[in-house]
Each structure stands twice: as structure tokens, then as C-alpha cells.
Amino acid sequence: MAENNGASRLTYFLIGFGLGAVVALLFAPKSGRELREDIAEKTRRGLEKAQETYEAARERAKELVETGREKVSALAEEARERVAESRERLSAAIEAGRQAYREEKWKAEAQG
């Protein structure tokens, strides 16, 4: 959520910066052609910067997704191992109980 807040602030900053640049150009003492060229150049630079920011954010998102997948995979593997261990212990306990029952039954039959 903090990253989203930072991204929102960056977006608002870039929008404000762009609007401020356009207003500054409109009030600059230049001919219409020069003004249009300046606006086009500033717009082009702004779009390039936005594209760079987008690409960087996209790469970071890919890294975060991959890290998340790795962590989930590791947790799932650990959970499978723990379930298998628990299953083995339960099976061993059941078998030990059966064996103890058989031994006690055999003793009782031998005495009786």
C-alpha cells in the first residue's frame, strides 16, 4: 500500500509538473511556432520519462511477483513435508498400537 501511495504521489507530481511547464510556455514571449515546438518537445520528454517510469515499475512488479511465487512454492513444499511427517508418525503410532494389542491378546491367550 505504501508503494501505491508513492506511485500516486509520483503520478500527481508528474501531472503537476507537466501542467506547470505548459503554463510557463504559454506565458513566455515566443512566437506561436516556437511555442508549439516547445510544447511538443516538453510533451515528448514527459512521455519518455513516463515510459521509463512505467517500465521500471513494471520490472519491479515482475520481480515482486516472482519473489512471491518462490516464497509460496517454498511454503507449499514445507507444508507437504510436514503433512508427510505427520502422516508417517500417525501411521507408526497406529501400527505400534496394533502391535501392542496383538501382544497383549497373545499373552492373555497364553495365560488363559
PDB file of N, CA and C in Angstrom:
ATOM      1  N   MET A   1       0.820  -1.182   0.000  1.00  0.00           N
ATOM      2  CA  MET A   1       0.000   0.000   0.000  1.00  0.00           C
ATOM      3  C   MET A   1       0.867   1.249   0.000  1.00  0.00           C
ATOM      4  N   ALA A   2       2.008   1.205   0.694  1.00  0.00           N
ATOM      5  CA  ALA A   2       2.916   2.346   0.730  1.00  0.00           C
ATOM      6  C   ALA A   2       3.472   2.618  -0.658  1.00  0.00           C
ATOM      7  N   GLU A   3       3.760   1.552  -1.417  1.00  0.00           N
ATOM      8  CA  GLU A   3       4.266   1.739  -2.775  1.00  0.00           C
ATOM      9  C   GLU A   3       3.199   2.374  -3.650  1.00  0.00           C
ATOM     10  N   ASN A   4       1.945   1.995  -3.467  1.00  0.00           N
ATOM     11  CA  ASN A   4       0.852   2.566  -4.232  1.00  0.00           C
ATOM     12  C   ASN A   4       0.733   4.049  -3.921  1.00  0.00           C
ATOM     13  N   ASN A   5       0.872   4.433  -2.655  1.00  0.00           N
ATOM     14  CA  ASN A   5       0.812   5.815  -2.258  1.00  0.00           C
ATOM     15  C   ASN A   5       1.950   6.590  -2.902  1.00  0.00           C
ATOM     16  N   GLY A   6       3.143   6.008  -2.914  1.00  0.00           N
ATOM     17  CA  GLY A   6       4.282   6.652  -3.562  1.00  0.00           C
ATOM     18  C   GLY A   6       4.068   6.798  -5.062  1.00  0.00           C
ATOM     19  N   ALA A   7       3.483   5.787  -5.679  1.00  0.00           N
ATOM     20  CA  ALA A   7       3.202   5.852  -7.109  1.00  0.00           C
ATOM     21  C   ALA A   7       2.172   6.939  -7.396  1.00  0.00           C
ATOM     22  N   SER A   8       1.164   7.056  -6.534  1.00  0.00           N
ATOM     23  CA  SER A   8       0.157   8.101  -6.710  1.00  0.00           C
ATOM     24  C   SER A   8       0.792   9.477  -6.593  1.00  0.00           C
ATOM     25  N   ARG A   9       1.650   9.639  -5.599  1.00  0.00           N
ATOM     26  CA  ARG A   9       2.320  10.934  -5.435  1.00  0.00           C
ATOM     27  C   ARG A   9       3.178  11.262  -6.651  1.00  0.00           C
ATOM     28  N   LEU A  10       3.902  10.259  -7.155  1.00  0.00           N
ATOM     29  CA  LEU A  10       4.737  10.481  -8.331  1.00  0.00           C
ATOM     30  C   LEU A  10       3.875  10.869  -9.523  1.00  0.00           C
ATOM     31  N   THR A  11       2.755  10.187  -9.692  1.00  0.00           N
ATOM     32  CA  THR A  11       1.846  10.494 -10.805  1.00  0.00           C
ATOM     33  C   THR A  11       1.345  11.929 -10.694  1.00  0.00           C
ATOM     34  N   TYR A  12       0.886  12.323  -9.500  1.00  0.00           N
ATOM     35  CA  TYR A  12       0.391  13.690  -9.318  1.00  0.00           C
ATOM     36  C   TYR A  12       1.504  14.714  -9.533  1.00  0.00           C
ATOM     37  N   PHE A  13       2.703  14.375  -9.080  1.00  0.00           N
ATOM     38  CA  PHE A  13       3.830  15.281  -9.287  1.00  0.00           C
ATOM     39  C   PHE A  13       4.094  15.480 -10.777  1.00  0.00           C
ATOM     40  N   LEU A  14       4.134  14.384 -11.528  1.00  0.00           N
ATOM     41  CA  LEU A  14       4.399  14.473 -12.970  1.00  0.00           C
ATOM     42  C   LEU A  14       3.307  15.250 -13.690  1.00  0.00           C
ATOM     43  N   ILE A  15       2.056  15.028 -13.293  1.00  0.00           N
ATOM     44  CA  ILE A  15       0.953  15.775 -13.911  1.00  0.00           C
ATOM     45  C   ILE A  15       1.100  17.264 -13.600  1.00  0.00           C
ATOM     46  N   GLY A  16       1.366  17.581 -12.333  1.00  0.00           N
ATOM     47  CA  GLY A  16       1.544  18.981 -11.944  1.00  0.00           C
ATOM     48  C   GLY A  16       2.723  19.615 -12.643  1.00  0.00           C
ATOM     49  N   PHE A  17       3.797  18.860 -12.753  1.00  0.00           N
ATOM     50  CA  PHE A  17       4.987  19.367 -13.444  1.00  0.00           C
ATOM     51  C   PHE A  17       4.661  19.679 -14.904  1.00  0.00           C
ATOM     52  N   GLY A  18       3.968  18.759 -15.539  1.00  0.00           N
ATOM     53  CA  GLY A  18       3.603  18.963 -16.947  1.00  0.00           C
ATOM     54  C   GLY A  18       2.699  20.171 -17.133  1.00  0.00           C
ATOM     55  N   LEU A  19       1.699  20.297 -16.266  1.00  0.00           N
ATOM     56  CA  LEU A  19       0.803  21.455 -16.366  1.00  0.00           C
ATOM     57  C   LEU A  19       1.560  22.753 -16.114  1.00  0.00           C
ATOM     58  N   GLY A  20       2.452  22.746 -15.136  1.00  0.00           N
ATOM     59  CA  GLY A  20       3.251  23.940 -14.861  1.00  0.00           C
ATOM     60  C   GLY A  20       4.135  24.318 -16.040  1.00  0.00           C
ATOM     61  N   ALA A  21       4.717  23.327 -16.690  1.00  0.00           N
ATOM     62  CA  ALA A  21       5.566  23.593 -17.856  1.00  0.00           C
ATOM     63  C   ALA A  21       4.740  24.192 -18.996  1.00  0.00           C
ATOM     64  N   VAL A  22       3.535  23.671 -19.218  1.00  0.00           N
ATOM     65  CA  VAL A  22       2.683  24.200 -20.291  1.00  0.00           C
ATOM     66  C   VAL A  22       2.282  25.635 -19.977  1.00  0.00           C
ATOM     67  N   VAL A  23       1.901  25.919 -18.745  1.00  0.00           N
ATOM     68  CA  VAL A  23       1.513  27.279 -18.366  1.00  0.00           C
ATOM     69  C   VAL A  23       2.699  28.223 -18.531  1.00  0.00           C
ATOM     70  N   ALA A  24       3.887  27.770 -18.115  1.00  0.00           N
ATOM     71  CA  ALA A  24       5.075  28.623 -18.268  1.00  0.00           C
ATOM     72  C   ALA A  24       5.345  28.911 -19.744  1.00  0.00           C
ATOM     73  N   LEU A  25       5.162  27.925 -20.583  1.00  0.00           N
ATOM     74  CA  LEU A  25       5.392  28.136 -22.016  1.00  0.00           C
ATOM     75  C   LEU A  25       4.358  29.087 -22.613  1.00  0.00           C
ATOM     76  N   LEU A  26       3.130  28.983 -22.141  1.00  0.00           N
ATOM     77  CA  LEU A  26       2.078  29.851 -22.685  1.00  0.00           C
ATOM     78  C   LEU A  26       2.332  31.321 -22.353  1.00  0.00           C
ATOM     79  N   PHE A  27       2.952  31.572 -21.215  1.00  0.00           N
ATOM     80  CA  PHE A  27       3.216  32.950 -20.828  1.00  0.00           C
ATOM     81  C   PHE A  27       4.588  33.448 -21.279  1.00  0.00           C
ATOM     82  N   ALA A  28       5.361  32.605 -21.922  1.00  0.00           N
ATOM     83  CA  ALA A  28       6.680  33.000 -22.415  1.00  0.00           C
ATOM     84  C   ALA A  28       6.503  33.843 -23.687  1.00  0.00           C
ATOM     85  N   PRO A  29       7.338  34.866 -23.848  1.00  0.00           N
ATOM     86  CA  PRO A  29       7.225  35.727 -25.047  1.00  0.00           C
ATOM     87  C   PRO A  29       7.864  35.048 -26.260  1.00  0.00           C
ATOM     88  N   LYS A  30       7.111  34.166 -26.912  1.00  0.00           N
ATOM     89  CA  LYS A  30       7.604  33.459 -28.087  1.00  0.00           C
ATOM     90  C   LYS A  30       6.533  33.491 -29.161  1.00  0.00           C
ATOM     91  N   SER A  31       6.969  33.205 -30.396  1.00  0.00           N
ATOM     92  CA  SER A  31       6.010  33.131 -31.496  1.00  0.00           C
ATOM     93  C   SER A  31       5.186  31.856 -31.350  1.00  0.00           C
ATOM     94  N   GLY A  32       4.100  31.751 -32.051  1.00  0.00           N
ATOM     95  CA  GLY A  32       3.231  30.584 -31.997  1.00  0.00           C
ATOM     96  C   GLY A  32       3.956  29.313 -32.402  1.00  0.00           C
ATOM     97  N   ARG A  33       4.757  29.407 -33.445  1.00  0.00           N
ATOM     98  CA  ARG A  33       5.501  28.231 -33.923  1.00  0.00           C
ATOM     99  C   ARG A  33       6.502  27.763 -32.865  1.00  0.00           C
ATOM    100  N   GLU A  34       7.266  28.691 -32.310  1.00  0.00           N
ATOM    101  CA  GLU A  34       8.243  28.335 -31.270  1.00  0.00           C
ATOM    102  C   GLU A  34       7.538  27.729 -30.059  1.00  0.00           C
ATOM    103  N   LEU A  35       6.411  28.342 -29.705  1.00  0.00           N
ATOM    104  CA  LEU A  35       5.659  27.852 -28.555  1.00  0.00           C
ATOM    105  C   LEU A  35       5.166  26.422 -28.802  1.00  0.00           C
ATOM    106  N   ARG A  36       4.614  26.167 -29.991  1.00  0.00           N
ATOM    107  CA  ARG A  36       4.144  24.809 -30.311  1.00  0.00           C
ATOM    108  C   ARG A  36       5.300  23.813 -30.304  1.00  0.00           C
ATOM    109  N   GLU A  37       6.449  24.223 -30.851  1.00  0.00           N
ATOM    110  CA  GLU A  37       7.622  23.344 -30.836  1.00  0.00           C
ATOM    111  C   GLU A  37       8.077  23.056 -29.413  1.00  0.00           C
ATOM    112  N   ASP A  38       8.081  24.083 -28.566  1.00  0.00           N
ATOM    113  CA  ASP A  38       8.466  23.882 -27.161  1.00  0.00           C
ATOM    114  C   ASP A  38       7.483  22.948 -26.457  1.00  0.00           C
ATOM    115  N   ILE A  39       6.204  23.159 -26.681  1.00  0.00           N
ATOM    116  CA  ILE A  39       5.193  22.300 -26.055  1.00  0.00           C
ATOM    117  C   ILE A  39       5.361  20.862 -26.538  1.00  0.00           C
ATOM    118  N   ALA A  40       5.585  20.702 -27.843  1.00  0.00           N
ATOM    119  CA  ALA A  40       5.766  19.352 -28.386  1.00  0.00           C
ATOM    120  C   ALA A  40       7.006  18.688 -27.781  1.00  0.00           C
ATOM    121  N   GLU A  41       8.094  19.438 -27.663  1.00  0.00           N
ATOM    122  CA  GLU A  41       9.334  18.888 -27.096  1.00  0.00           C
ATOM    123  C   GLU A  41       9.142  18.510 -25.626  1.00  0.00           C
ATOM    124  N   LYS A  42       8.537  19.400 -24.868  1.00  0.00           N
ATOM    125  CA  LYS A  42       8.289  19.104 -23.448  1.00  0.00           C
ATOM    126  C   LYS A  42       7.362  17.903 -23.303  1.00  0.00           C
ATOM    127  N   THR A  43       6.363  17.831 -24.152  1.00  0.00           N
ATOM    128  CA  THR A  43       5.442  16.694 -24.109  1.00  0.00           C
ATOM    129  C   THR A  43       6.177  15.402 -24.434  1.00  0.00           C
ATOM    130  N   ARG A  44       7.018  15.448 -25.445  1.00  0.00           N
ATOM    131  CA  ARG A  44       7.800  14.275 -25.842  1.00  0.00           C
ATOM    132  C   ARG A  44       8.699  13.819 -24.685  1.00  0.00           C
ATOM    133  N   ARG A  45       9.379  14.765 -24.057  1.00  0.00           N
ATOM    134  CA  ARG A  45      10.241  14.425 -22.917  1.00  0.00           C
ATOM    135  C   ARG A  45       9.421  13.841 -21.762  1.00  0.00           C
ATOM    136  N   GLY A  46       8.263  14.455 -21.510  1.00  0.00           N
ATOM    137  CA  GLY A  46       7.402  13.954 -20.434  1.00  0.00           C
ATOM    138  C   GLY A  46       6.932  12.536 -20.712  1.00  0.00           C
ATOM    139  N   LEU A  47       6.571  12.270 -21.956  1.00  0.00           N
ATOM    140  CA  LEU A  47       6.130  10.926 -22.321  1.00  0.00           C
ATOM    141  C   LEU A  47       7.272   9.920 -22.206  1.00  0.00           C
ATOM    142  N   GLU A  48       8.468  10.324 -22.609  1.00  0.00           N
ATOM    143  CA  GLU A  48       9.625   9.435 -22.470  1.00  0.00           C
ATOM    144  C   GLU A  48       9.891   9.123 -21.008  1.00  0.00           C
ATOM    145  N   LYS A  49       9.821  10.144 -20.158  1.00  0.00           N
ATOM    146  CA  LYS A  49      10.045   9.944 -18.724  1.00  0.00           C
ATOM    147  C   LYS A  49       8.951   9.047 -18.137  1.00  0.00           C
ATOM    148  N   ALA A  50       7.718   9.264 -18.558  1.00  0.00           N
ATOM    149  CA  ALA A  50       6.613   8.429 -18.075  1.00  0.00           C
ATOM    150  C   ALA A  50       6.814   6.982 -18.521  1.00  0.00           C
ATOM    151  N   GLN A  51       7.280   6.785 -19.755  1.00  0.00           N
ATOM    152  CA  GLN A  51       7.533   5.433 -20.264  1.00  0.00           C
ATOM    153  C   GLN A  51       8.641   4.754 -19.459  1.00  0.00           C
ATOM    154  N   GLU A  52       9.699   5.505 -19.161  1.00  0.00           N
ATOM    155  CA  GLU A  52      10.787   4.952 -18.349  1.00  0.00           C
ATOM    156  C   GLU A  52      10.291   4.562 -16.961  1.00  0.00           C
ATOM    157  N   THR A  53       9.489   5.442 -16.365  1.00  0.00           N
ATOM    158  CA  THR A  53       8.940   5.160 -15.037  1.00  0.00           C
ATOM    159  C   THR A  53       8.041   3.938 -15.087  1.00  0.00           C
ATOM    160  N   TYR A  54       7.224   3.848 -16.127  1.00  0.00           N
ATOM    161  CA  TYR A  54       6.326   2.694 -16.291  1.00  0.00           C
ATOM    162  C   TYR A  54       7.125   1.402 -16.422  1.00  0.00           C
ATOM    163  N   GLU A  55       8.160   1.426 -17.250  1.00  0.00           N
ATOM    164  CA  GLU A  55       8.983   0.233 -17.453  1.00  0.00           C
ATOM    165  C   GLU A  55       9.671  -0.188 -16.151  1.00  0.00           C
ATOM    166  N   ALA A  56      10.190   0.783 -15.404  1.00  0.00           N
ATOM    167  CA  ALA A  56      10.846   0.469 -14.135  1.00  0.00           C
ATOM    168  C   ALA A  56       9.840  -0.140 -13.156  1.00  0.00           C
ATOM    169  N   ALA A  57       8.641   0.435 -13.094  1.00  0.00           N
ATOM    170  CA  ALA A  57       7.608  -0.097 -12.203  1.00  0.00           C
ATOM    171  C   ALA A  57       7.174  -1.492 -12.641  1.00  0.00           C
ATOM    172  N   ARG A  58       7.090  -1.690 -13.930  1.00  0.00           N
ATOM    173  CA  ARG A  58       6.699  -2.996 -14.464  1.00  0.00           C
ATOM    174  C   ARG A  58       7.737  -4.065 -14.111  1.00  0.00           C
ATOM    175  N   GLU A  59       9.018  -3.729 -14.263  1.00  0.00           N
ATOM    176  CA  GLU A  59      10.087  -4.663 -13.906  1.00  0.00           C
ATOM    177  C   GLU A  59      10.058  -4.974 -12.413  1.00  0.00           C
ATOM    178  N   ARG A  60       9.833  -3.954 -11.613  1.00  0.00           N
ATOM    179  CA  ARG A  60       9.773  -4.159 -10.159  1.00  0.00           C
ATOM    180  C   ARG A  60       8.588  -5.066  -9.809  1.00  0.00           C
ATOM    181  N   ALA A  61       7.461  -4.856 -10.474  1.00  0.00           N
ATOM    182  CA  ALA A  61       6.291  -5.701 -10.231  1.00  0.00           C
ATOM    183  C   ALA A  61       6.589  -7.150 -10.609  1.00  0.00           C
ATOM    184  N   LYS A  62       7.281  -7.355 -11.729  1.00  0.00           N
ATOM    185  CA  LYS A  62       7.651  -8.716 -12.138  1.00  0.00           C
ATOM    186  C   LYS A  62       8.537  -9.372 -11.078  1.00  0.00           C
ATOM    187  N   GLU A  63       9.501  -8.603 -10.563  1.00  0.00           N
ATOM    188  CA  GLU A  63      10.389  -9.131  -9.520  1.00  0.00           C
ATOM    189  C   GLU A  63       9.598  -9.515  -8.280  1.00  0.00           C
ATOM    190  N   LEU A  64       8.667  -8.648  -7.883  1.00  0.00           N
ATOM    191  CA  LEU A  64       7.862  -8.927  -6.697  1.00  0.00           C
ATOM    192  C   LEU A  64       6.980 -10.164  -6.893  1.00  0.00           C
ATOM    193  N   VAL A  65       6.414 -10.304  -8.085  1.00  0.00           N
ATOM    194  CA  VAL A  65       5.579 -11.474  -8.375  1.00  0.00           C
ATOM    195  C   VAL A  65       6.427 -12.741  -8.324  1.00  0.00           C
ATOM    196  N   GLU A  66       7.594 -12.699  -8.910  1.00  0.00           N
ATOM    197  CA  GLU A  66       8.474 -13.871  -8.916  1.00  0.00           C
ATOM    198  C   GLU A  66       8.908 -14.223  -7.493  1.00  0.00           C
ATOM    199  N   THR A  67       9.257 -13.222  -6.715  1.00  0.00           N
ATOM    200  CA  THR A  67       9.634 -13.459  -5.319  1.00  0.00           C
ATOM    201  C   THR A  67       8.465 -14.077  -4.561  1.00  0.00           C
ATOM    202  N   GLY A  68       7.271 -13.555  -4.797  1.00  0.00           N
ATOM    203  CA  GLY A  68       6.076 -14.106  -4.153  1.00  0.00           C
ATOM    204  C   GLY A  68       5.838 -15.554  -4.544  1.00  0.00           C
ATOM    205  N   ARG A  69       5.994 -15.852  -5.815  1.00  0.00           N
ATOM    206  CA  ARG A  69       5.823 -17.238  -6.278  1.00  0.00           C
ATOM    207  C   ARG A  69       6.827 -18.175  -5.618  1.00  0.00           C
ATOM    208  N   GLU A  70       8.066 -17.717  -5.539  1.00  0.00           N
ATOM    209  CA  GLU A  70       9.103 -18.544  -4.904  1.00  0.00           C
ATOM    210  C   GLU A  70       8.783 -18.803  -3.439  1.00  0.00           C
ATOM    211  N   LYS A  71       8.336 -17.768  -2.739  1.00  0.00           N
ATOM    212  CA  LYS A  71       8.015 -17.926  -1.321  1.00  0.00           C
ATOM    213  C   LYS A  71       6.810 -18.850  -1.140  1.00  0.00           C
ATOM    214  N   VAL A  72       5.796 -18.684  -1.972  1.00  0.00           N
ATOM    215  CA  VAL A  72       4.619 -19.555  -1.873  1.00  0.00           C
ATOM    216  C   VAL A  72       5.005 -20.993  -2.178  1.00  0.00           C
ATOM    217  N   SER A  73       5.838 -21.189  -3.173  1.00  0.00           N
ATOM    218  CA  SER A  73       6.283 -22.537  -3.527  1.00  0.00           C
ATOM    219  C   SER A  73       7.053 -23.172  -2.374  1.00  0.00           C
ATOM    220  N   ALA A  74       7.931 -22.395  -1.752  1.00  0.00           N
ATOM    221  CA  ALA A  74       8.709 -22.914  -0.620  1.00  0.00           C
ATOM    222  C   ALA A  74       7.791 -23.259   0.554  1.00  0.00           C
ATOM    223  N   LEU A  75       6.816 -22.397   0.819  1.00  0.00           N
ATOM    224  CA  LEU A  75       5.874 -22.672   1.905  1.00  0.00           C
ATOM    225  C   LEU A  75       5.031 -23.908   1.611  1.00  0.00           C
ATOM    226  N   ALA A  76       4.606 -24.057   0.367  1.00  0.00           N
ATOM    227  CA  ALA A  76       3.808 -25.228  -0.005  1.00  0.00           C
ATOM    228  C   ALA A  76       4.632 -26.503   0.148  1.00  0.00           C
ATOM    229  N   GLU A  77       5.885 -26.461  -0.255  1.00  0.00           N
ATOM    230  CA  GLU A  77       6.759 -27.630  -0.118  1.00  0.00           C
ATOM    231  C   GLU A  77       6.962 -27.973   1.354  1.00  0.00           C
ATOM    232  N   GLU A  78       7.183 -26.963   2.166  1.00  0.00           N
ATOM    233  CA  GLU A  78       7.351 -27.198   3.599  1.00  0.00           C
ATOM    234  C   GLU A  78       6.076 -27.795   4.201  1.00  0.00           C
ATOM    235  N   ALA A  79       4.930 -27.299   3.785  1.00  0.00           N
ATOM    236  CA  ALA A  79       3.661 -27.836   4.285  1.00  0.00           C
ATOM    237  C   ALA A  79       3.485 -29.296   3.868  1.00  0.00           C
ATOM    238  N   ARG A  80       3.837 -29.619   2.623  1.00  0.00           N
ATOM    239  CA  ARG A  80       3.745 -31.016   2.161  1.00  0.00           C
ATOM    240  C   ARG A  80       4.646 -31.924   2.993  1.00  0.00           C
ATOM    241  N   GLU A  81       5.852 -31.439   3.272  1.00  0.00           N
ATOM    242  CA  GLU A  81       6.791 -32.233   4.076  1.00  0.00           C
ATOM    243  C   GLU A  81       6.245 -32.462   5.485  1.00  0.00           C
ATOM    244  N   ARG A  82       5.685 -31.427   6.084  1.00  0.00           N
ATOM    245  CA  ARG A  82       5.135 -31.565   7.436  1.00  0.00           C
ATOM    246  C   ARG A  82       3.937 -32.513   7.461  1.00  0.00           C
ATOM    247  N   VAL A  83       3.098 -32.442   6.439  1.00  0.00           N
ATOM    248  CA  VAL A  83       1.957 -33.354   6.362  1.00  0.00           C
ATOM    249  C   VAL A  83       2.454 -34.790   6.225  1.00  0.00           C
ATOM    250  N   ALA A  84       3.467 -34.992   5.380  1.00  0.00           N
ATOM    251  CA  ALA A  84       4.014 -36.336   5.200  1.00  0.00           C
ATOM    252  C   ALA A  84       4.622 -36.856   6.510  1.00  0.00           C
ATOM    253  N   GLU A  85       5.349 -36.006   7.220  1.00  0.00           N
ATOM    254  CA  GLU A  85       5.923 -36.409   8.506  1.00  0.00           C
ATOM    255  C   GLU A  85       4.827 -36.764   9.506  1.00  0.00           C
ATOM    256  N   SER A  86       3.800 -35.951   9.560  1.00  0.00           N
ATOM    257  CA  SER A  86       2.688 -36.218  10.486  1.00  0.00           C
ATOM    258  C   SER A  86       1.988 -37.516  10.124  1.00  0.00           C
ATOM    259  N   ARG A  87       1.806 -37.733   8.838  1.00  0.00           N
ATOM    260  CA  ARG A  87       1.164 -38.961   8.377  1.00  0.00           C
ATOM    261  C   ARG A  87       1.996 -40.182   8.770  1.00  0.00           C
ATOM    262  N   GLU A  88       3.319 -40.070   8.607  1.00  0.00           N
ATOM    263  CA  GLU A  88       4.212 -41.173   8.975  1.00  0.00           C
ATOM    264  C   GLU A  88       4.161 -41.445  10.479  1.00  0.00           C
ATOM    265  N   ARG A  89       4.175 -40.371  11.282  1.00  0.00           N
ATOM    266  CA  ARG A  89       4.095 -40.548  12.735  1.00  0.00           C
ATOM    267  C   ARG A  89       2.767 -41.178  13.146  1.00  0.00           C
ATOM    268  N   LEU A  90       1.687 -40.739  12.521  1.00  0.00           N
ATOM    269  CA  LEU A  90       0.376 -41.300  12.837  1.00  0.00           C
ATOM    270  C   LEU A  90       0.315 -42.770  12.451  1.00  0.00           C
ATOM    271  N   SER A  91       0.824 -43.096  11.279  1.00  0.00           N
ATOM    272  CA  SER A  91       0.846 -44.500  10.852  1.00  0.00           C
ATOM    273  C   SER A  91       1.679 -45.347  11.798  1.00  0.00           C
ATOM    274  N   ALA A  92       2.826 -44.817  12.217  1.00  0.00           N
ATOM    275  CA  ALA A  92       3.691 -45.549  13.152  1.00  0.00           C
ATOM    276  C   ALA A  92       2.991 -45.739  14.496  1.00  0.00           C
ATOM    277  N   ALA A  93       2.285 -44.728  14.964  1.00  0.00           N
ATOM    278  CA  ALA A  93       1.569 -44.838  16.236  1.00  0.00           C
ATOM    279  C   ALA A  93       0.441 -45.861  16.137  1.00  0.00           C
ATOM    280  N   ILE A  94      -0.280 -45.858  15.027  1.00  0.00           N
ATOM    281  CA  ILE A  94      -1.357 -46.842  14.829  1.00  0.00           C
ATOM    282  C   ILE A  94      -0.787 -48.249  14.798  1.00  0.00           C
ATOM    283  N   GLU A  95       0.304 -48.414  14.059  1.00  0.00           N
ATOM    284  CA  GLU A  95       0.926 -49.741  13.968  1.00  0.00           C
ATOM    285  C   GLU A  95       1.444 -50.197  15.329  1.00  0.00           C
ATOM    286  N   ALA A  96       2.027 -49.278  16.101  1.00  0.00           N
ATOM    287  CA  ALA A  96       2.508 -49.621  17.449  1.00  0.00           C
ATOM    288  C   ALA A  96       1.337 -50.038  18.331  1.00  0.00           C
ATOM    289  N   GLY A  97       0.212 -49.351  18.205  1.00  0.00           N
ATOM    290  CA  GLY A  97      -0.972 -49.717  18.971  1.00  0.00           C
ATOM    291  C   GLY A  97      -1.489 -51.091  18.585  1.00  0.00           C
ATOM    292  N   ARG A  98      -1.509 -51.381  17.308  1.00  0.00           N
ATOM    293  CA  ARG A  98      -1.946 -52.703  16.839  1.00  0.00           C
ATOM    294  C   ARG A  98      -1.020 -53.800  17.374  1.00  0.00           C
ATOM    295  N   GLN A  99       0.289 -53.512  17.286  1.00  0.00           N
ATOM    296  CA  GLN A  99       1.260 -54.499  17.759  1.00  0.00           C
ATOM    297  C   GLN A  99       1.095 -54.742  19.255  1.00  0.00           C
ATOM    298  N   ALA A 100       0.903 -53.674  20.019  1.00  0.00           N
ATOM    299  CA  ALA A 100       0.714 -53.826  21.463  1.00  0.00           C
ATOM    300  C   ALA A 100      -0.561 -54.620  21.748  1.00  0.00           C
ATOM    301  N   TYR A 101      -1.604 -54.357  20.987  1.00  0.00           N
ATOM    302  CA  TYR A 101      -2.854 -55.109  21.152  1.00  0.00           C
ATOM    303  C   TYR A 101      -2.632 -56.590  20.885  1.00  0.00           C
ATOM    304  N   ARG A 102      -1.925 -56.897  19.785  1.00  0.00           N
ATOM    305  CA  ARG A 102      -1.667 -58.301  19.440  1.00  0.00           C
ATOM    306  C   ARG A 102      -0.865 -59.000  20.541  1.00  0.00           C
ATOM    307  N   GLU A 103       0.166 -58.291  21.037  1.00  0.00           N
ATOM    308  CA  GLU A 103       0.993 -58.882  22.090  1.00  0.00           C
ATOM    309  C   GLU A 103       0.190 -59.142  23.359  1.00  0.00           C
ATOM    310  N   GLU A 104      -0.647 -58.204  23.751  1.00  0.00           N
ATOM    311  CA  GLU A 104      -1.470 -58.377  24.944  1.00  0.00           C
ATOM    312  C   GLU A 104      -2.493 -59.495  24.736  1.00  0.00           C
ATOM    313  N   LYS A 105      -3.046 -59.550  23.548  1.00  0.00           N
ATOM    314  CA  LYS A 105      -4.023 -60.620  23.232  1.00  0.00           C
ATOM    315  C   LYS A 105      -3.319 -61.968  23.283  1.00  0.00           C
ATOM    316  N   TRP A 106      -2.095 -62.049  22.728  1.00  0.00           N
ATOM    317  CA  TRP A 106      -1.336 -63.302  22.731  1.00  0.00           C
ATOM    318  C   TRP A 106      -1.007 -63.721  24.164  1.00  0.00           C
ATOM    319  N   LYS A 107      -0.600 -62.750  25.013  1.00  0.00           N
ATOM    320  CA  LYS A 107      -0.301 -63.039  26.421  1.00  0.00           C
ATOM    321  C   LYS A 107      -1.551 -63.547  27.132  1.00  0.00           C
ATOM    322  N   ALA A 108      -2.672 -62.889  26.870  1.00  0.00           N
ATOM    323  CA  ALA A 108      -3.918 -63.289  27.517  1.00  0.00           C
ATOM    324  C   ALA A 108      -4.325 -64.685  27.082  1.00  0.00           C
ATOM    325  N   GLU A 109      -4.145 -65.003  25.823  1.00  0.00           N
ATOM    326  CA  GLU A 109      -4.484 -66.346  25.332  1.00  0.00           C
ATOM    327  C   GLU A 109      -3.526 -67.404  25.898  1.00  0.00           C
ATOM    328  N   ALA A 110      -2.265 -67.010  26.049  1.00  0.00           N
ATOM    329  CA  ALA A 110      -1.272 -67.951  26.579  1.00  0.00           C
ATOM    330  C   ALA A 110      -1.549 -68.215  28.063  1.00  0.00           C
ATOM    331  N   GLN A 111      -1.983 -67.267  28.787  1.00  0.00           N
ATOM    332  CA  GLN A 111      -2.269 -67.435  30.215  1.00  0.00           C
ATOM    333  C   GLN A 111      -3.608 -68.122  30.430  1.00  0.00           C
ATOM    334  N   GLY A 112      -4.485 -67.949  29.539  1.00  0.00           N
ATOM    335  CA  GLY A 112      -5.836 -68.445  29.741  1.00  0.00           C
ATOM    336  C   GLY A 112      -6.093 -69.709  29.096  1.00  0.00           C
TER     337      GLY A 112
END
